[in-house]
Protein backbone atom coordinates (compact mmCIF):
# COMPACT_ATOMS: atom_id res chain seq x y z
CA MET A 1 -23.15 -20.03 -18.05
CA ASN A 2 -21.77 -23.54 -17.84
CA PRO A 3 -20.32 -24.27 -14.33
CA LEU A 4 -17.12 -25.56 -15.94
CA ARG A 5 -16.71 -22.27 -17.79
CA ARG A 6 -17.29 -20.37 -14.56
CA LEU A 7 -14.50 -22.38 -12.94
CA ARG A 8 -12.19 -21.54 -15.84
CA HIS A 9 -12.86 -17.81 -15.38
CA LEU A 10 -12.06 -17.86 -11.67
CA PRO A 11 -8.81 -16.11 -10.75
CA ARG A 12 -5.98 -18.60 -10.38
CA PRO A 13 -2.91 -18.21 -8.18
CA ARG A 14 0.16 -17.43 -10.27
CA THR A 15 3.08 -18.02 -7.92
CA LEU A 16 4.18 -21.45 -6.79
CA ARG A 17 3.84 -20.35 -3.15
CA ALA A 18 0.23 -19.29 -3.70
CA ARG A 19 -0.58 -22.50 -5.57
CA LEU A 20 0.83 -24.73 -2.86
CA THR A 21 -0.95 -22.79 -0.12
CA THR A 22 -4.21 -22.80 -2.05
CA GLY A 23 -3.90 -26.52 -2.75
CA LEU A 24 -3.24 -27.24 0.92
CA VAL A 25 -6.28 -25.21 2.03
CA VAL A 26 -8.50 -26.78 -0.65
CA LEU A 27 -7.49 -30.31 0.35
CA LEU A 28 -8.08 -29.50 4.00
CA ALA A 29 -11.46 -27.94 3.14
CA VAL A 30 -12.49 -31.05 1.21
CA SER A 31 -11.41 -33.24 4.14
CA CYS A 32 -13.29 -31.08 6.64
CA ALA A 33 -16.39 -31.09 4.44
CA ALA A 34 -16.26 -34.88 4.12
CA VAL A 35 -15.87 -35.29 7.89
CA GLY A 36 -18.69 -32.80 8.56
CA VAL A 37 -21.08 -34.42 6.09
CA ALA A 38 -20.32 -37.88 7.46
CA ALA A 39 -20.86 -36.68 11.06
CA VAL A 40 -24.16 -34.98 10.20
CA ILE A 41 -25.44 -38.03 8.30
CA GLU A 42 -24.38 -40.37 11.10
CA LEU A 43 -25.96 -38.22 13.83
CA ASN A 44 -29.17 -37.84 11.85
CA GLY A 45 -29.34 -41.61 11.30
CA PHE A 46 -28.56 -42.33 14.94
CA LEU A 47 -31.21 -39.99 16.33
CA THR A 48 -33.77 -41.15 13.80
CA GLY A 49 -33.04 -44.74 14.82
CA ARG A 50 -33.60 -43.79 18.45
CA LEU A 51 -36.96 -42.33 17.47
CA ASP A 52 -37.86 -45.58 15.73
CA GLN A 53 -36.91 -47.53 18.86
CA GLN A 54 -39.02 -45.23 21.00
CA LEU A 55 -41.97 -45.66 18.66
CA GLN A 56 -41.56 -49.42 18.72
CA GLN A 57 -41.58 -49.35 22.51
CA THR A 58 -44.62 -47.09 22.63
CA GLY A 59 -46.61 -49.46 20.44
CA ALA A 60 -50.11 -48.92 19.08
CA SER A 61 -51.97 -48.39 22.35
CA PHE A 62 -52.44 -44.67 21.71
CA PRO A 63 -54.03 -44.99 18.24
CA GLN A 64 -56.07 -47.99 19.48
CA SER A 65 -57.52 -45.83 22.24
CA LEU A 66 -58.76 -43.37 19.63
CA GLU A 67 -61.26 -45.90 18.26
CA HIS A 68 -63.82 -45.37 21.03
CA GLY A 69 -62.52 -42.08 22.38
CA GLN A 70 -61.02 -43.84 25.41
CA PHE A 71 -57.87 -41.64 25.67
CA ARG A 72 -58.09 -38.47 27.68
CA PRO A 73 -55.36 -36.09 28.84
CA SER A 74 -55.82 -37.30 32.38
CA ASP A 75 -55.09 -40.82 31.15
CA ARG A 76 -51.41 -39.97 30.41
CA ASP A 77 -50.44 -41.54 33.71
CA GLY A 78 -52.58 -44.52 32.83
CA ASP A 79 -55.48 -46.30 34.56
CA GLU A 80 -57.11 -49.65 34.25
CA HIS A 81 -59.61 -48.50 31.57
CA GLY A 82 -57.55 -46.05 29.56
CA ASP A 83 -54.14 -45.96 27.80
CA THR A 84 -51.65 -47.61 30.18
CA ARG A 85 -48.51 -46.17 28.45
CA ARG A 86 -47.11 -42.76 29.19
CA GLN A 87 -47.22 -40.71 26.03
CA ALA A 88 -44.65 -37.95 25.40
CA ALA A 89 -45.80 -34.49 24.51
CA GLY A 90 -46.12 -34.12 20.76
CA THR A 91 -46.98 -37.79 20.17
CA PHE A 92 -49.23 -38.18 17.16
CA GLY A 93 -51.76 -40.97 16.69
CA ALA A 94 -54.13 -41.77 13.85
CA ARG A 95 -56.50 -44.57 12.82
CA LEU A 96 -57.36 -45.37 9.21
CA VAL A 97 -60.21 -47.53 7.99
CA LYS A 98 -60.27 -48.49 4.33
CA GLY A 99 -57.67 -45.83 3.54
CA GLN A 100 -59.59 -43.05 5.24
CA VAL A 101 -58.48 -41.26 8.41
CA THR A 102 -61.21 -41.76 10.98
CA ASN A 103 -59.40 -40.50 14.05
CA ALA A 104 -56.31 -38.34 14.62
CA ALA A 105 -54.99 -36.88 17.83
CA LEU A 106 -51.90 -35.09 19.16
CA ILE A 107 -50.63 -35.11 22.74
CA PRO A 108 -50.27 -31.43 23.70
CA ALA A 109 -47.52 -30.08 25.90
CA ASP A 110 -50.04 -28.87 28.50
CA ASP A 111 -53.25 -30.33 29.95
CA ASP A 112 -55.39 -29.07 27.12
CA PRO A 113 -58.27 -31.57 26.81
CA ASP A 114 -58.58 -31.01 23.06
CA LEU A 115 -56.54 -33.73 21.37
CA THR A 116 -57.92 -33.33 17.88
CA VAL A 117 -55.75 -32.10 15.07
CA GLY A 118 -56.94 -30.56 11.85
CA LEU A 119 -55.45 -32.50 8.97
CA THR A 120 -55.43 -31.16 5.46
CA ALA A 121 -56.39 -33.24 2.45
CA ARG A 122 -52.71 -33.60 1.58
CA ASP A 123 -51.94 -34.77 5.12
CA ARG A 124 -54.72 -37.39 4.90
CA ALA A 125 -53.36 -38.57 1.54
CA ALA A 126 -49.85 -38.83 2.99
CA LEU A 127 -51.14 -40.89 5.94
CA ALA A 128 -53.13 -43.14 3.63
CA ALA A 129 -50.02 -43.76 1.51
CA LEU A 130 -47.92 -44.73 4.54
CA PRO A 131 -47.05 -48.47 4.32
CA ALA A 132 -48.18 -50.51 7.34
CA ASP A 133 -44.88 -52.36 7.69
CA GLY A 134 -44.02 -51.45 11.28
CA ARG A 135 -41.00 -49.41 10.14
CA GLY A 136 -40.31 -45.74 10.64
CA HIS A 137 -40.95 -43.26 7.83
CA SER A 138 -40.27 -39.52 7.83
CA VAL A 139 -43.34 -37.59 6.69
CA ARG A 140 -44.02 -33.88 6.70
CA LEU A 141 -47.59 -32.97 7.64
CA ALA A 142 -48.64 -29.46 6.81
CA SER A 143 -50.68 -29.13 9.98
CA ILE A 144 -48.11 -30.27 12.56
CA GLY A 145 -44.73 -30.36 10.74
CA GLY A 146 -42.18 -33.15 10.22
CA TYR A 147 -42.87 -36.47 12.00
CA ARG A 148 -41.43 -39.94 12.23
CA LEU A 149 -44.39 -42.31 11.72
CA LEU A 150 -44.90 -46.04 12.19
CA ALA A 151 -47.99 -47.89 10.94
CA TRP A 152 -49.40 -51.31 11.88
CA THR A 153 -52.38 -53.29 10.74
CA GLY A 154 -54.88 -53.68 13.59
CA ARG A 155 -56.99 -56.71 14.51
CA ASP A 156 -60.06 -55.21 12.85
CA GLY A 157 -58.25 -54.57 9.57
CA ASP A 158 -57.76 -50.92 10.38
CA VAL A 159 -54.35 -49.15 10.21
CA LEU A 160 -52.92 -47.68 13.38
CA ILE A 161 -50.31 -44.90 13.13
CA ILE A 162 -48.05 -43.59 15.88
CA GLY A 163 -45.51 -40.77 15.43
CA LEU A 164 -43.01 -38.50 17.16
CA PRO A 165 -41.85 -35.07 16.00
CA LEU A 166 -38.54 -34.77 14.05
CA GLU A 167 -37.88 -31.27 15.34
CA PRO A 168 -35.52 -32.39 18.17
CA VAL A 169 -33.53 -34.47 15.68
CA ARG A 170 -33.30 -31.62 13.21
CA ALA A 171 -32.36 -29.16 15.96
CA ALA A 172 -29.53 -31.42 17.12
CA VAL A 173 -28.31 -31.93 13.54
CA HIS A 174 -28.48 -28.21 12.82
CA ARG A 175 -26.52 -27.45 15.97
CA LEU A 176 -23.87 -29.95 14.89
CA GLU A 177 -23.73 -28.27 11.47
CA LEU A 178 -23.16 -24.87 13.07
CA VAL A 179 -20.50 -26.18 15.43
CA ALA A 180 -18.75 -28.08 12.62
CA ALA A 181 -18.83 -25.03 10.33
CA ALA A 182 -17.35 -22.81 13.04
CA VAL A 183 -14.67 -25.30 14.06
CA PHE A 184 -13.72 -26.21 10.50
CA GLY A 185 -13.72 -22.55 9.40
CA LEU A 186 -11.36 -21.65 12.22
CA ALA A 187 -9.22 -24.68 11.40
CA LEU A 188 -9.05 -23.66 7.74
CA ALA A 189 -8.05 -20.10 8.65
CA VAL A 190 -5.32 -21.27 11.00
CA ALA A 191 -4.17 -23.90 8.50
CA GLY A 192 -4.09 -21.30 5.71
CA VAL A 193 -1.87 -18.92 7.68
CA ALA A 194 0.34 -21.71 9.01
CA GLY A 195 0.51 -23.33 5.59
CA ALA A 196 1.50 -20.05 3.93
CA LEU A 197 4.30 -19.56 6.46
CA TRP A 198 5.44 -23.15 6.08
CA VAL A 199 5.43 -23.01 2.27
CA ARG A 200 7.27 -19.69 2.36
CA TRP A 201 9.89 -21.11 4.68
CA SER A 202 10.20 -24.28 2.58
CA LEU A 203 10.59 -22.31 -0.68
CA ARG A 204 13.06 -19.81 0.77
CA PRO A 205 16.01 -21.43 -1.09
CA LEU A 206 14.01 -21.24 -4.32
CA SER A 207 13.30 -17.56 -3.69
CA ARG A 208 17.02 -16.90 -3.27
CA VAL A 209 17.72 -18.71 -6.55
CA ALA A 210 15.04 -16.61 -8.27
CA ALA A 211 16.52 -13.40 -6.81
CA THR A 212 19.98 -14.37 -8.07
CA ALA A 213 18.56 -15.19 -11.51
CA THR A 214 16.80 -11.80 -11.60
CA ARG A 215 20.05 -9.98 -10.82
CA VAL A 216 21.84 -11.97 -13.54
CA SER A 217 19.12 -11.12 -16.08
CA GLU A 218 19.63 -7.41 -15.38
CA LEU A 219 23.37 -7.53 -16.17
CA PRO A 220 24.66 -6.25 -19.54
CA LEU A 221 26.04 -9.56 -20.79
CA ALA A 222 26.40 -8.46 -24.42
CA SER A 223 29.86 -6.92 -24.10
CA GLY A 224 32.46 -5.70 -21.67
CA GLU A 225 33.62 -7.15 -18.39
CA VAL A 226 30.74 -8.66 -16.43
CA ALA A 227 30.83 -9.37 -12.69
CA LEU A 228 28.22 -11.97 -11.82
CA PRO A 229 26.44 -11.65 -8.47
CA PRO A 230 27.16 -14.02 -5.59
CA ARG A 231 25.96 -17.57 -6.08
CA ALA A 232 22.60 -18.73 -4.77
CA PRO A 233 22.91 -20.39 -1.34
CA GLU A 234 22.81 -24.14 -1.73
CA SER A 235 20.47 -26.16 0.46
CA ASP A 236 20.02 -29.88 1.02
CA PRO A 237 21.21 -31.57 -2.20
CA ARG A 238 18.72 -34.36 -1.60
CA SER A 239 15.79 -31.97 -2.17
CA GLU A 240 14.53 -30.73 -5.53
CA VAL A 241 15.27 -27.10 -4.64
CA GLY A 242 18.77 -28.03 -3.48
CA ARG A 243 19.52 -29.86 -6.74
CA MET A 244 18.21 -26.91 -8.74
CA ALA A 245 20.34 -24.44 -6.76
CA THR A 246 23.42 -26.60 -7.32
CA ALA A 247 22.74 -26.86 -11.06
CA PHE A 248 22.05 -23.12 -11.28
CA ASN A 249 25.33 -22.25 -9.53
CA ARG A 250 27.20 -24.65 -11.82
CA MET A 251 25.63 -22.93 -14.82
CA LEU A 252 26.66 -19.52 -13.47
CA ARG A 253 30.24 -20.73 -13.12
CA HIS A 254 30.24 -21.88 -16.74
CA VAL A 255 28.73 -18.56 -17.87
CA GLU A 256 31.27 -16.59 -15.85
CA ASP A 257 34.15 -18.60 -17.32
CA ALA A 258 32.81 -18.04 -20.84
CA LEU A 259 32.32 -14.31 -20.25
CA THR A 260 35.79 -13.99 -18.76
CA LYS A 261 37.37 -15.73 -21.74
CA ARG A 262 35.34 -13.65 -24.16
CA HIS A 263 36.30 -10.42 -22.40
CA ALA A 264 39.97 -11.41 -22.42
CA SER A 265 39.73 -12.21 -26.13
CA GLU A 266 38.04 -8.88 -26.84
CA GLU A 267 40.67 -7.03 -24.84
CA ARG A 268 43.46 -8.74 -26.74
CA LEU A 269 41.75 -7.90 -30.04
CA ARG A 270 41.25 -4.27 -29.04
CA THR A 271 44.84 -3.99 -27.89
CA PHE A 272 46.02 -5.53 -31.13
CA ALA A 273 43.83 -3.22 -33.24
CA ALA A 274 44.98 -0.16 -31.31
CA ASP A 275 48.66 -1.15 -31.45
CA ALA A 276 48.49 -2.16 -35.09
CA SER A 277 46.66 1.02 -36.05
CA HIS A 278 49.11 3.13 -34.11
CA GLU A 279 52.11 1.37 -35.65
CA LEU A 280 50.70 1.52 -39.19
CA ARG A 281 50.14 5.27 -39.15
CA THR A 282 53.85 6.06 -39.57
CA PRO A 283 54.67 3.67 -42.48
CA VAL A 284 51.44 4.56 -44.29
CA ALA A 285 52.24 8.26 -43.96
CA SER A 286 55.78 7.54 -45.11
CA VAL A 287 54.57 5.65 -48.21
CA ARG A 288 52.19 8.47 -49.09
CA GLY A 289 54.90 11.07 -48.56
CA HIS A 290 57.40 9.24 -50.78
CA ALA A 291 54.80 8.80 -53.50
CA GLU A 292 53.90 12.49 -53.41
CA LEU A 293 57.59 13.39 -53.44
CA ALA A 294 58.14 11.18 -56.48
CA LEU A 295 55.30 12.87 -58.30
CA LEU A 296 57.01 16.23 -57.70
CA HIS A 297 60.22 15.09 -59.47
CA PRO A 298 61.04 17.72 -62.19
CA GLY A 299 62.48 15.25 -64.65
CA PRO A 300 60.55 13.27 -67.24
CA VAL A 301 58.63 10.32 -65.80
CA PRO A 302 56.92 7.66 -67.92
CA PRO A 303 53.11 7.87 -67.83
CA GLU A 304 52.86 4.35 -66.38
CA ILE A 305 55.07 5.34 -63.44
CA THR A 306 53.06 8.51 -62.87
CA ARG A 307 49.81 6.53 -62.85
CA ALA A 308 51.29 3.98 -60.40
CA LEU A 309 52.51 6.74 -58.09
CA GLN A 310 49.06 8.38 -58.17
CA ARG A 311 47.40 5.07 -57.24
CA ILE A 312 49.92 4.56 -54.45
CA THR A 313 49.12 8.03 -53.12
CA ALA A 314 45.34 7.44 -53.28
CA GLU A 315 45.44 3.97 -51.70
CA SER A 316 47.86 5.03 -48.98
CA SER A 317 45.59 7.96 -48.21
CA ARG A 318 42.60 5.61 -47.98
CA MET A 319 44.64 3.20 -45.86
CA GLY A 320 45.58 6.07 -43.55
CA GLU A 321 41.90 6.95 -43.08
CA MET A 322 41.10 3.29 -42.35
CA VAL A 323 43.91 3.12 -39.80
CA ASP A 324 42.60 6.29 -38.13
CA ASP A 325 39.09 4.81 -38.03
CA LEU A 326 40.32 1.58 -36.50
CA LEU A 327 42.34 3.46 -33.92
CA LEU A 328 39.27 5.59 -33.05
CA LEU A 329 37.07 2.50 -32.63
CA ALA A 330 39.71 0.83 -30.47
CA ARG A 331 39.87 3.90 -28.24
CA LEU A 332 36.09 4.09 -27.97
CA ASP A 333 35.91 0.40 -27.12
CA ALA A 334 38.50 0.93 -24.42
CA GLY A 335 36.27 3.61 -22.87
CA ARG A 336 38.53 6.55 -23.63
CA PRO A 337 36.63 9.70 -22.59
CA LEU A 338 35.79 12.21 -25.31
CA GLU A 339 35.87 15.96 -24.98
CA SER A 340 32.85 17.41 -23.23
CA GLN A 341 32.01 20.97 -24.15
CA PRO A 342 28.98 22.85 -25.50
CA VAL A 343 28.62 22.33 -29.25
CA ASP A 344 26.39 24.44 -31.49
CA PHE A 345 24.77 21.51 -33.24
CA THR A 346 22.87 23.73 -35.68
CA HIS A 347 26.03 25.49 -36.87
CA LEU A 348 27.85 22.15 -37.14
CA ILE A 349 25.10 20.76 -39.38
CA LEU A 350 25.29 23.83 -41.64
CA ASP A 351 29.04 23.34 -42.09
CA VAL A 352 28.78 19.62 -42.82
CA VAL A 353 25.91 20.05 -45.31
CA THR A 354 27.88 22.77 -47.07
CA ASP A 355 30.82 20.38 -47.45
CA ALA A 356 28.51 17.57 -48.64
CA ARG A 357 26.91 19.88 -51.23
CA ALA A 358 30.37 20.69 -52.58
CA ALA A 359 31.36 17.00 -52.66
CA GLY A 360 28.07 15.86 -54.24
CA PRO A 361 26.73 18.61 -56.50
CA ASP A 362 24.61 16.07 -58.41
CA HIS A 363 22.46 15.48 -55.31
CA ARG A 364 19.70 17.73 -53.99
CA TRP A 365 20.50 18.85 -50.44
CA THR A 366 17.80 20.42 -48.24
CA LEU A 367 17.81 21.60 -44.65
CA ASP A 368 15.01 21.81 -42.07
CA LEU A 369 16.39 23.51 -38.95
CA PRO A 370 14.64 25.14 -35.97
CA GLU A 371 14.66 28.89 -35.58
CA GLU A 372 16.58 28.72 -32.30
CA PRO A 373 20.04 27.12 -32.25
CA VAL A 374 20.30 23.68 -30.63
CA THR A 375 23.24 23.02 -28.31
CA VAL A 376 24.56 19.64 -27.20
CA THR A 377 27.45 18.64 -24.97
CA GLY A 378 30.19 16.58 -26.56
CA ASP A 379 33.25 16.38 -28.77
CA THR A 380 32.98 18.78 -31.71
CA HIS A 381 35.39 16.83 -33.94
CA ARG A 382 33.69 13.47 -33.32
CA LEU A 383 30.19 14.90 -33.82
CA HIS A 384 31.41 16.45 -37.06
CA GLN A 385 32.65 12.99 -38.06
CA VAL A 386 29.20 11.50 -37.30
CA LEU A 387 27.44 14.02 -39.53
CA ALA A 388 30.02 13.69 -42.30
CA ASN A 389 29.77 9.90 -42.30
CA LEU A 390 25.97 9.96 -42.50
CA LEU A 391 25.95 12.43 -45.40
CA ALA A 392 28.78 10.58 -47.16
CA ASN A 393 26.80 7.36 -46.80
CA ALA A 394 23.76 9.01 -48.42
CA ARG A 395 25.90 10.49 -51.19
CA LEU A 396 27.87 7.37 -52.06
CA HIS A 397 25.02 4.85 -51.91
CA THR A 398 22.37 6.76 -53.87
CA PRO A 399 22.22 7.69 -57.58
CA ALA A 400 22.59 11.21 -58.92
CA GLY A 401 19.53 13.38 -58.41
CA THR A 402 18.64 11.82 -55.06
CA LYS A 403 17.11 14.25 -52.58
CA VAL A 404 18.80 14.23 -49.15
CA THR A 405 17.00 16.06 -46.34
CA VAL A 406 18.67 16.92 -43.04
CA THR A 407 16.20 17.72 -40.25
CA LEU A 408 16.93 18.90 -36.72
CA GLU A 409 14.36 19.29 -33.94
CA THR A 410 14.11 19.01 -30.17
CA GLU A 411 11.85 16.61 -28.26
CA ASP A 412 11.79 16.71 -24.45
CA ARG A 413 15.31 18.17 -24.10
CA THR A 414 16.59 15.79 -26.77
CA ALA A 415 18.17 16.87 -30.02
CA VAL A 416 16.82 14.68 -32.84
CA LEU A 417 18.75 14.65 -36.12
CA ARG A 418 17.28 12.89 -39.16
CA VAL A 419 19.10 12.28 -42.44
CA HIS A 420 16.55 11.14 -45.03
CA ASP A 421 17.04 10.25 -48.67
CA ASP A 422 14.70 8.92 -51.36
CA GLY A 423 17.28 6.52 -52.79
CA PRO A 424 16.97 2.75 -53.29
CA GLY A 425 17.26 2.02 -49.55
CA VAL A 426 19.36 -0.35 -47.46
CA PRO A 427 18.95 -4.06 -48.31
CA LYS A 428 16.89 -5.90 -45.72
CA ASP A 429 19.50 -8.61 -45.28
CA ILE A 430 22.09 -6.14 -43.95
CA GLN A 431 19.80 -3.79 -41.99
CA PRO A 432 20.18 -5.73 -38.68
CA GLY A 433 23.98 -5.39 -38.85
CA VAL A 434 24.29 -2.08 -40.65
CA PHE A 435 26.08 -0.48 -37.68
CA GLU A 436 28.52 -3.36 -37.28
CA ARG A 437 32.09 -3.09 -38.49
CA PHE A 438 33.06 -3.99 -42.05
CA THR A 439 29.42 -4.16 -43.18
CA ARG A 440 29.24 -3.27 -46.87
CA ALA A 441 26.62 -3.32 -49.61
CA GLU A 442 28.67 -2.94 -52.75
CA HIS A 443 25.81 -3.73 -55.11
CA ARG A 444 24.04 -0.58 -53.97
CA ARG A 445 27.01 1.78 -54.45
CA ARG A 446 27.02 4.22 -57.30
CA ALA A 447 28.85 3.03 -60.37
CA ASP A 448 30.87 6.27 -60.57
CA ALA A 449 31.76 6.34 -56.84
CA PRO A 450 35.44 6.09 -55.92
CA GLY A 451 36.94 2.95 -54.42
CA GLY A 452 34.79 1.30 -51.74
CA GLY A 453 35.39 1.99 -48.10
CA ALA A 454 36.13 -0.50 -45.38
CA GLY A 455 32.60 -0.50 -43.98
CA LEU A 456 33.58 1.43 -40.84
CA GLY A 457 31.64 4.66 -41.38
CA LEU A 458 28.34 3.67 -39.77
CA SER A 459 30.07 1.69 -37.02
CA ILE A 460 31.95 4.89 -36.10
CA VAL A 461 28.63 6.75 -36.11
CA ALA A 462 27.12 4.22 -33.69
CA ALA A 463 30.20 4.14 -31.44
CA VAL A 464 30.53 7.95 -31.20
CA VAL A 465 26.82 8.47 -30.60
CA GLU A 466 26.83 5.79 -27.89
CA ALA A 467 29.91 7.39 -26.30
CA HIS A 468 27.88 10.62 -26.10
CA GLY A 469 25.03 8.78 -24.34
CA GLY A 470 22.82 8.91 -27.43
CA LYS A 471 21.18 6.49 -29.81
CA VAL A 472 21.09 5.98 -33.57
CA ASP A 473 18.40 4.10 -35.51
CA LEU A 474 17.70 3.17 -39.12
CA GLU A 475 14.39 2.90 -40.95
CA SER A 476 14.70 1.93 -44.60
CA THR A 477 12.37 0.85 -47.38
CA PRO A 478 12.81 1.23 -51.14
CA GLY A 479 12.50 4.96 -51.82
CA SER A 480 12.85 6.07 -48.19
CA THR A 481 15.83 5.73 -45.84
CA THR A 482 16.13 7.62 -42.56
CA PHE A 483 18.97 7.63 -40.04
CA THR A 484 17.88 9.12 -36.70
CA VAL A 485 20.38 10.35 -34.11
CA ARG A 486 19.23 11.33 -30.61
CA LEU A 487 21.48 13.32 -28.27
CA ALA A 488 20.81 15.11 -25.02
CA ALA A 489 20.27 18.81 -25.67
CA THR A 490 21.40 21.54 -23.30
CA ALA A 491 19.76 24.87 -22.58
CA THR A 492 20.50 27.44 -25.25
CA PRO A 493 22.28 30.52 -23.81
């Protein structure tokens, strides 16, 4: 695999704290590596240079003495006929004539009289290739190891080679490498821990801002009165984190002001709707009562007047239902508690379907109920209203002959009610807001249906179900529409 691809697949730190700490440790590691490499190279060059100086000082006396076998181990201290220079143990000497090694010797560490050394063919080739420039060259001989060699041209045209082992240099360099690795490793570990603590302390204001933002994100900001959490502590405004905390707190103040104004506006609207609905109930009932009383007049009444009185009665009745619906929604919005008592949901469904079958005989009504009765806790009248609104919605917005199926089942102590019809379906453009108030789809109503409603039926369904701690959903495509209501079920006695 390509090394670049391997780097891309390495795990990367995700948090800012981890990235800063990792970056700090990586930079320190690169710096330590650069210092270590430079120190090793410098030490190796220095010690190698000292070897070259030592070889220069030793000169070619040792390889010259090999020509006639003059050098002996006892000559290390020098005499007037032998080698007058003290030779260190491990010193290597060789003489080449016409590119061929004629003599080679190695100073042993003890008084062993045997100075000869067995060179391989590759060693002889390496010695023959050594330039006779009087400068040091590092050569590895298979028979004796790594050596620093110097070569001169002798007076007889031969090549004289003197060398010292590189092992002490390499041992010193290797020791430096071990010491540097240990020291730099410990420094990186300490720097990593200290850097993590420092970065954590430096980013503490940012962590408090993030914690405040998390608490704000968990608040239900869609509706109702919202109490924002305390502001994030502000730090030095000259720092980036301080400026961000200041801007974040300023944004929270703006959001809180907007939410407060919105809540006040909603409260005023709810109060107005509740008061208006309450005040309209009496005059609407009065208008309906006077119209009904006029229709009961025994004397002759012109047909036009009778028709007008009938329309007044019907519209006032519809207006009274709308006022009751608005008053119910206003009370639910205000958080008015509903009745809480065991309700036989199965029996309630039977009653509502019976009423729907009588109101819509041109529809096909089917039931799919469990064998055991299902009981929920709630307000019987409001749950009856939920069922009636769902069935009325299916009856009024589907043509004659549509099959409406009401199914009830339990799933994990949850009562699941489904009202399905095979009608034309809910238009896609109004599905997202089908449970909002005054949402209507007049082009999908039956042509023979009575006057259109106010679009409050499904909004009442959603509000009542939510007040019972449940949930209502819609799935609709042409030929298949399903409203699903979920309520907490209680144990059946």
